[in-house]
């Protein structure tokens, strides 16, 4: 289940970067602890998250992220679609900036790529927030004055099902976490 892999990031026909992808377990401590463990162990310049039930629906997603980060952005994100069995996909790409983040989380984790150095400056994800850890992180990033860059294209497909926090039946869990977050 936790085997190292290799990831090749290609531009055009040439491989621009070939990366070894380590694998490690957080021992069942939850997704936020697992992400913190990954951040602590990787030595990459950039971080991009892709949850196990999501996918990048745009073949150029990482190339666009790399271009934005190489161009000076520190926190790049795209739009996405919510996919749920038996329902039509729903587009999600609200305009997001530091001000709108104060009221709503319009950033999808699986459509996000950012500079690893932000963790050196701002710390770890808050493990007491199992649902809204990402909103807390985005707020800290925006409040720090980091350069945000948004791509309105729908680059990530986010799966909704009963087993994840965005799925039906998880409203009470999300509400309790939101109450702690507020």
C-alpha atoms as a PDB file:
ATOM      1  CA  UNK A   1       0.000   0.000   0.000  1.00  0.00           C
ATOM      2  CA  UNK A   2       2.821   2.458   0.810  1.00  0.00           C
ATOM      3  CA  UNK A   3       5.361   1.886  -1.938  1.00  0.00           C
ATOM      4  CA  UNK A   4       7.736   4.531  -3.318  1.00  0.00           C
ATOM      5  CA  UNK A   5       6.980   5.659  -6.844  1.00  0.00           C
ATOM      6  CA  UNK A   6       8.480   7.853  -9.495  1.00  0.00           C
ATOM      7  CA  UNK A   7       6.724  10.793 -11.075  1.00  0.00           C
ATOM      8  CA  UNK A   8       7.805  12.360 -14.336  1.00  0.00           C
ATOM      9  CA  UNK A   9       6.657  15.915 -15.000  1.00  0.00           C
ATOM     10  CA  UNK A  10       6.799  16.514 -18.735  1.00  0.00           C
ATOM     11  CA  UNK A  11       6.751  19.656 -20.820  1.00  0.00           C
ATOM     12  CA  UNK A  12       6.066  19.128 -24.488  1.00  0.00           C
ATOM     13  CA  UNK A  13       7.854  15.974 -25.513  1.00  0.00           C
ATOM     14  CA  UNK A  14      10.792  16.254 -23.112  1.00  0.00           C
ATOM     15  CA  UNK A  15      10.775  15.175 -19.492  1.00  0.00           C
ATOM     16  CA  UNK A  16      11.454  18.330 -17.495  1.00  0.00           C
ATOM     17  CA  UNK A  17      11.739  16.670 -14.103  1.00  0.00           C
ATOM     18  CA  UNK A  18      11.847  13.101 -12.904  1.00  0.00           C
ATOM     19  CA  UNK A  19      10.995  12.804  -9.246  1.00  0.00           C
ATOM     20  CA  UNK A  20      11.178   9.987  -6.744  1.00  0.00           C
ATOM     21  CA  UNK A  21       7.968   9.905  -4.774  1.00  0.00           C
ATOM     22  CA  UNK A  22       8.449   8.586  -1.243  1.00  0.00           C
ATOM     23  CA  UNK A  23       5.711   6.773   0.624  1.00  0.00           C
ATOM     24  CA  UNK A  24       5.208   6.725   4.377  1.00  0.00           C
ATOM     25  CA  UNK A  25       2.396   6.146   6.827  1.00  0.00           C
ATOM     26  CA  UNK A  26       1.118   8.407   9.597  1.00  0.00           C
ATOM     27  CA  UNK A  27       0.006   5.324  11.518  1.00  0.00           C
ATOM     28  CA  UNK A  28      -3.692   6.111  11.184  1.00  0.00           C
ATOM     29  CA  UNK A  29      -3.413   9.592  12.726  1.00  0.00           C
ATOM     30  CA  UNK A  30      -5.659  11.099  10.035  1.00  0.00           C
ATOM     31  CA  UNK A  31      -5.289  13.035   6.809  1.00  0.00           C
ATOM     32  CA  UNK A  32      -4.013  16.279   8.341  1.00  0.00           C
ATOM     33  CA  UNK A  33      -1.291  14.502  10.331  1.00  0.00           C
ATOM     34  CA  UNK A  34      -0.352  12.552   7.192  1.00  0.00           C
ATOM     35  CA  UNK A  35      -0.010  15.788   5.218  1.00  0.00           C
ATOM     36  CA  UNK A  36       2.126  17.319   7.974  1.00  0.00           C
ATOM     37  CA  UNK A  37       4.334  14.224   7.918  1.00  0.00           C
ATOM     38  CA  UNK A  38       4.705  14.508   4.149  1.00  0.00           C
ATOM     39  CA  UNK A  39       5.604  18.209   4.355  1.00  0.00           C
ATOM     40  CA  UNK A  40       8.210  17.470   7.026  1.00  0.00           C
ATOM     41  CA  UNK A  41       9.841  14.719   4.982  1.00  0.00           C
ATOM     42  CA  UNK A  42       9.869  16.056   1.429  1.00  0.00           C
ATOM     43  CA  UNK A  43      12.613  18.306   0.152  1.00  0.00           C
ATOM     44  CA  UNK A  44      10.838  19.622  -2.915  1.00  0.00           C
ATOM     45  CA  UNK A  45      10.496  23.306  -3.726  1.00  0.00           C
ATOM     46  CA  UNK A  46       6.781  22.980  -4.474  1.00  0.00           C
ATOM     47  CA  UNK A  47       3.907  20.995  -3.005  1.00  0.00           C
ATOM     48  CA  UNK A  48       0.803  19.812  -4.874  1.00  0.00           C
ATOM     49  CA  UNK A  49      -1.848  17.670  -3.182  1.00  0.00           C
ATOM     50  CA  UNK A  50      -4.000  15.093  -4.949  1.00  0.00           C
ATOM     51  CA  UNK A  51      -6.395  13.107  -2.787  1.00  0.00           C
ATOM     52  CA  UNK A  52      -6.681   9.405  -3.572  1.00  0.00           C
ATOM     53  CA  UNK A  53     -10.225   9.691  -4.937  1.00  0.00           C
ATOM     54  CA  UNK A  54      -9.618  12.864  -6.991  1.00  0.00           C
ATOM     55  CA  UNK A  55      -7.751  13.402 -10.262  1.00  0.00           C
ATOM     56  CA  UNK A  56      -6.320  16.180 -12.352  1.00  0.00           C
ATOM     57  CA  UNK A  57      -8.774  16.460 -15.232  1.00  0.00           C
ATOM     58  CA  UNK A  58      -6.544  18.853 -17.172  1.00  0.00           C
ATOM     59  CA  UNK A  59      -3.366  17.354 -18.597  1.00  0.00           C
ATOM     60  CA  UNK A  60      -1.654  20.758 -18.289  1.00  0.00           C
ATOM     61  CA  UNK A  61      -2.527  21.336 -14.618  1.00  0.00           C
ATOM     62  CA  UNK A  62       1.006  20.859 -13.258  1.00  0.00           C
ATOM     63  CA  UNK A  63       2.618  22.708 -16.175  1.00  0.00           C
ATOM     64  CA  UNK A  64       0.410  25.747 -15.479  1.00  0.00           C
ATOM     65  CA  UNK A  65       1.201  25.532 -11.773  1.00  0.00           C
ATOM     66  CA  UNK A  66       4.944  25.350 -12.527  1.00  0.00           C
ATOM     67  CA  UNK A  67       4.746  28.344 -14.862  1.00  0.00           C
ATOM     68  CA  UNK A  68       2.927  30.427 -12.249  1.00  0.00           C
ATOM     69  CA  UNK A  69       5.338  29.461  -9.458  1.00  0.00           C
ATOM     70  CA  UNK A  70       8.368  30.036 -11.673  1.00  0.00           C
ATOM     71  CA  UNK A  71       6.817  33.433 -12.494  1.00  0.00           C
ATOM     72  CA  UNK A  72       6.769  34.511  -8.851  1.00  0.00           C
ATOM     73  CA  UNK A  73       3.488  33.175  -7.461  1.00  0.00           C
ATOM     74  CA  UNK A  74       3.737  31.497  -4.072  1.00  0.00           C
ATOM     75  CA  UNK A  75       0.253  29.932  -3.864  1.00  0.00           C
ATOM     76  CA  UNK A  76      -1.368  28.821  -7.118  1.00  0.00           C
ATOM     77  CA  UNK A  77      -4.795  27.224  -7.475  1.00  0.00           C
ATOM     78  CA  UNK A  78      -7.253  26.333 -10.195  1.00  0.00           C
ATOM     79  CA  UNK A  79     -10.941  25.545 -10.355  1.00  0.00           C
ATOM     80  CA  UNK A  80     -12.439  22.102 -10.479  1.00  0.00           C
ATOM     81  CA  UNK A  81     -15.545  20.005 -10.790  1.00  0.00           C
ATOM     82  CA  UNK A  82     -17.386  18.027  -8.147  1.00  0.00           C
ATOM     83  CA  UNK A  83     -18.177  14.504  -9.306  1.00  0.00           C
ATOM     84  CA  UNK A  84     -20.773  12.356  -7.571  1.00  0.00           C
ATOM     85  CA  UNK A  85     -22.216   9.066  -8.780  1.00  0.00           C
ATOM     86  CA  UNK A  86     -25.647   9.484 -10.354  1.00  0.00           C
ATOM     87  CA  UNK A  87     -25.364  13.271 -10.623  1.00  0.00           C
ATOM     88  CA  UNK A  88     -24.132  15.696 -13.239  1.00  0.00           C
ATOM     89  CA  UNK A  89     -20.681  17.197 -12.543  1.00  0.00           C
ATOM     90  CA  UNK A  90     -20.774  20.624 -10.898  1.00  0.00           C
ATOM     91  CA  UNK A  91     -18.213  23.286 -11.841  1.00  0.00           C
ATOM     92  CA  UNK A  92     -16.468  25.092  -8.978  1.00  0.00           C
ATOM     93  CA  UNK A  93     -14.294  28.110  -9.746  1.00  0.00           C
ATOM     94  CA  UNK A  94     -15.287  31.107  -7.629  1.00  0.00           C
ATOM     95  CA  UNK A  95     -13.063  34.170  -7.748  1.00  0.00           C
ATOM     96  CA  UNK A  96     -10.745  33.944  -4.742  1.00  0.00           C
ATOM     97  CA  UNK A  97      -8.477  36.515  -3.147  1.00  0.00           C
ATOM     98  CA  UNK A  98      -7.365  37.334   0.389  1.00  0.00           C
ATOM     99  CA  UNK A  99     -10.620  39.208   1.058  1.00  0.00           C
ATOM    100  CA  UNK A 100     -13.027  36.517  -0.203  1.00  0.00           C
ATOM    101  CA  UNK A 101     -11.125  33.841   1.746  1.00  0.00           C
ATOM    102  CA  UNK A 102     -12.170  35.586   4.962  1.00  0.00           C
ATOM    103  CA  UNK A 103     -15.774  34.530   4.215  1.00  0.00           C
ATOM    104  CA  UNK A 104     -15.596  31.339   2.167  1.00  0.00           C
ATOM    105  CA  UNK A 105     -13.074  28.697   1.164  1.00  0.00           C
ATOM    106  CA  UNK A 106     -13.013  28.730  -2.616  1.00  0.00           C
ATOM    107  CA  UNK A 107      -9.781  26.741  -2.962  1.00  0.00           C
ATOM    108  CA  UNK A 108      -9.836  23.020  -3.727  1.00  0.00           C
ATOM    109  CA  UNK A 109      -6.967  21.097  -2.126  1.00  0.00           C
ATOM    110  CA  UNK A 110      -6.466  18.880  -5.188  1.00  0.00           C
ATOM    111  CA  UNK A 111      -6.238  21.974  -7.423  1.00  0.00           C
ATOM    112  CA  UNK A 112      -3.551  23.655  -5.301  1.00  0.00           C
ATOM    113  CA  UNK A 113       0.217  23.971  -5.730  1.00  0.00           C
ATOM    114  CA  UNK A 114       2.447  26.177  -3.609  1.00  0.00           C
ATOM    115  CA  UNK A 115       5.947  26.889  -2.424  1.00  0.00           C
ATOM    116  CA  UNK A 116       7.208  24.535   0.278  1.00  0.00           C
ATOM    117  CA  UNK A 117       8.893  27.521   1.960  1.00  0.00           C
ATOM    118  CA  UNK A 118       5.484  28.735   3.135  1.00  0.00           C
ATOM    119  CA  UNK A 119       5.562  25.968   5.757  1.00  0.00           C
ATOM    120  CA  UNK A 120       8.922  27.220   7.038  1.00  0.00           C
ATOM    121  CA  UNK A 121       7.346  30.637   7.463  1.00  0.00           C
ATOM    122  CA  UNK A 122       3.822  29.686   8.620  1.00  0.00           C
ATOM    123  CA  UNK A 123       4.181  26.278  10.255  1.00  0.00           C
ATOM    124  CA  UNK A 124       2.199  23.077   9.985  1.00  0.00           C
ATOM    125  CA  UNK A 125      -1.426  22.385   9.158  1.00  0.00           C
ATOM    126  CA  UNK A 126      -3.710  22.551  12.203  1.00  0.00           C
ATOM    127  CA  UNK A 127      -4.414  18.931  13.148  1.00  0.00           C
ATOM    128  CA  UNK A 128      -7.301  19.975  15.431  1.00  0.00           C
ATOM    129  CA  UNK A 129      -9.277  20.885  12.278  1.00  0.00           C
ATOM    130  CA  UNK A 130      -9.925  17.592  10.442  1.00  0.00           C
ATOM    131  CA  UNK A 131     -12.169  19.240   7.820  1.00  0.00           C
ATOM    132  CA  UNK A 132     -11.254  22.917   7.577  1.00  0.00           C
ATOM    133  CA  UNK A 133      -7.477  22.571   7.981  1.00  0.00           C
ATOM    134  CA  UNK A 134      -7.110  23.679   4.351  1.00  0.00           C
ATOM    135  CA  UNK A 135      -9.168  26.838   4.806  1.00  0.00           C
ATOM    136  CA  UNK A 136      -7.162  27.704   7.910  1.00  0.00           C
ATOM    137  CA  UNK A 137      -3.958  27.164   5.908  1.00  0.00           C
ATOM    138  CA  UNK A 138      -5.167  29.278   2.965  1.00  0.00           C
ATOM    139  CA  UNK A 139      -6.134  32.072   5.359  1.00  0.00           C
ATOM    140  CA  UNK A 140      -2.715  32.012   7.011  1.00  0.00           C
ATOM    141  CA  UNK A 141      -1.047  32.085   3.603  1.00  0.00           C
ATOM    142  CA  UNK A 142      -3.202  34.988   2.376  1.00  0.00           C
ATOM    143  CA  UNK A 143      -2.790  36.953   5.612  1.00  0.00           C
ATOM    144  CA  UNK A 144       0.995  36.551   5.365  1.00  0.00           C
ATOM    145  CA  UNK A 145       0.986  38.571   2.152  1.00  0.00           C
ATOM    146  CA  UNK A 146       2.023  35.632  -0.036  1.00  0.00           C
ATOM    147  CA  UNK A 147       1.451  36.140  -3.759  1.00  0.00           C
ATOM    148  CA  UNK A 148      -1.731  34.245  -4.727  1.00  0.00           C
ATOM    149  CA  UNK A 149      -2.378  33.242  -8.332  1.00  0.00           C
ATOM    150  CA  UNK A 150      -5.655  31.807  -9.586  1.00  0.00           C
ATOM    151  CA  UNK A 151      -6.326  29.925 -12.803  1.00  0.00           C
ATOM    152  CA  UNK A 152     -10.055  29.808 -13.537  1.00  0.00           C
ATOM    153  CA  UNK A 153      -9.773  26.629 -15.618  1.00  0.00           C
ATOM    154  CA  UNK A 154     -11.366  23.486 -14.195  1.00  0.00           C
ATOM    155  CA  UNK A 155      -8.233  21.421 -13.570  1.00  0.00           C
ATOM    156  CA  UNK A 156      -9.227  18.970 -10.833  1.00  0.00           C
ATOM    157  CA  UNK A 157     -12.081  16.510 -10.411  1.00  0.00           C
ATOM    158  CA  UNK A 158     -13.170  16.200  -6.786  1.00  0.00           C
ATOM    159  CA  UNK A 159     -15.075  13.028  -5.930  1.00  0.00           C
ATOM    160  CA  UNK A 160     -17.939  13.284  -3.464  1.00  0.00           C
ATOM    161  CA  UNK A 161     -19.156  10.141  -1.734  1.00  0.00           C
ATOM    162  CA  UNK A 162     -20.324   9.069   1.695  1.00  0.00           C
ATOM    163  CA  UNK A 163     -16.805   8.149   2.760  1.00  0.00           C
ATOM    164  CA  UNK A 164     -15.272  11.602   2.436  1.00  0.00           C
ATOM    165  CA  UNK A 165     -15.897  14.845   4.291  1.00  0.00           C
ATOM    166  CA  UNK A 166     -17.529  16.537   1.289  1.00  0.00           C
ATOM    167  CA  UNK A 167     -20.007  13.688   0.818  1.00  0.00           C
ATOM    168  CA  UNK A 168     -23.634  13.457   1.801  1.00  0.00           C
ATOM    169  CA  UNK A 169     -24.195  12.462   5.385  1.00  0.00           C
ATOM    170  CA  UNK A 170     -21.142  14.329   6.679  1.00  0.00           C
ATOM    171  CA  UNK A 171     -22.919  17.638   7.399  1.00  0.00           C
ATOM    172  CA  UNK A 172     -22.836  17.258  11.205  1.00  0.00           C
ATOM    173  CA  UNK A 173     -19.128  16.416  11.165  1.00  0.00           C
ATOM    174  CA  UNK A 174     -18.389  19.438   8.962  1.00  0.00           C
ATOM    175  CA  UNK A 175     -20.556  21.686  11.174  1.00  0.00           C
ATOM    176  CA  UNK A 176     -18.702  20.639  14.353  1.00  0.00           C
ATOM    177  CA  UNK A 177     -15.370  21.344  12.693  1.00  0.00           C
ATOM    178  CA  UNK A 178     -16.623  24.677  11.343  1.00  0.00           C
ATOM    179  CA  UNK A 179     -17.774  25.650  14.836  1.00  0.00           C
ATOM    180  CA  UNK A 180     -14.252  24.909  16.159  1.00  0.00           C
ATOM    181  CA  UNK A 181     -12.728  26.811  13.251  1.00  0.00           C
ATOM    182  CA  UNK A 182     -14.882  29.901  13.829  1.00  0.00           C
END
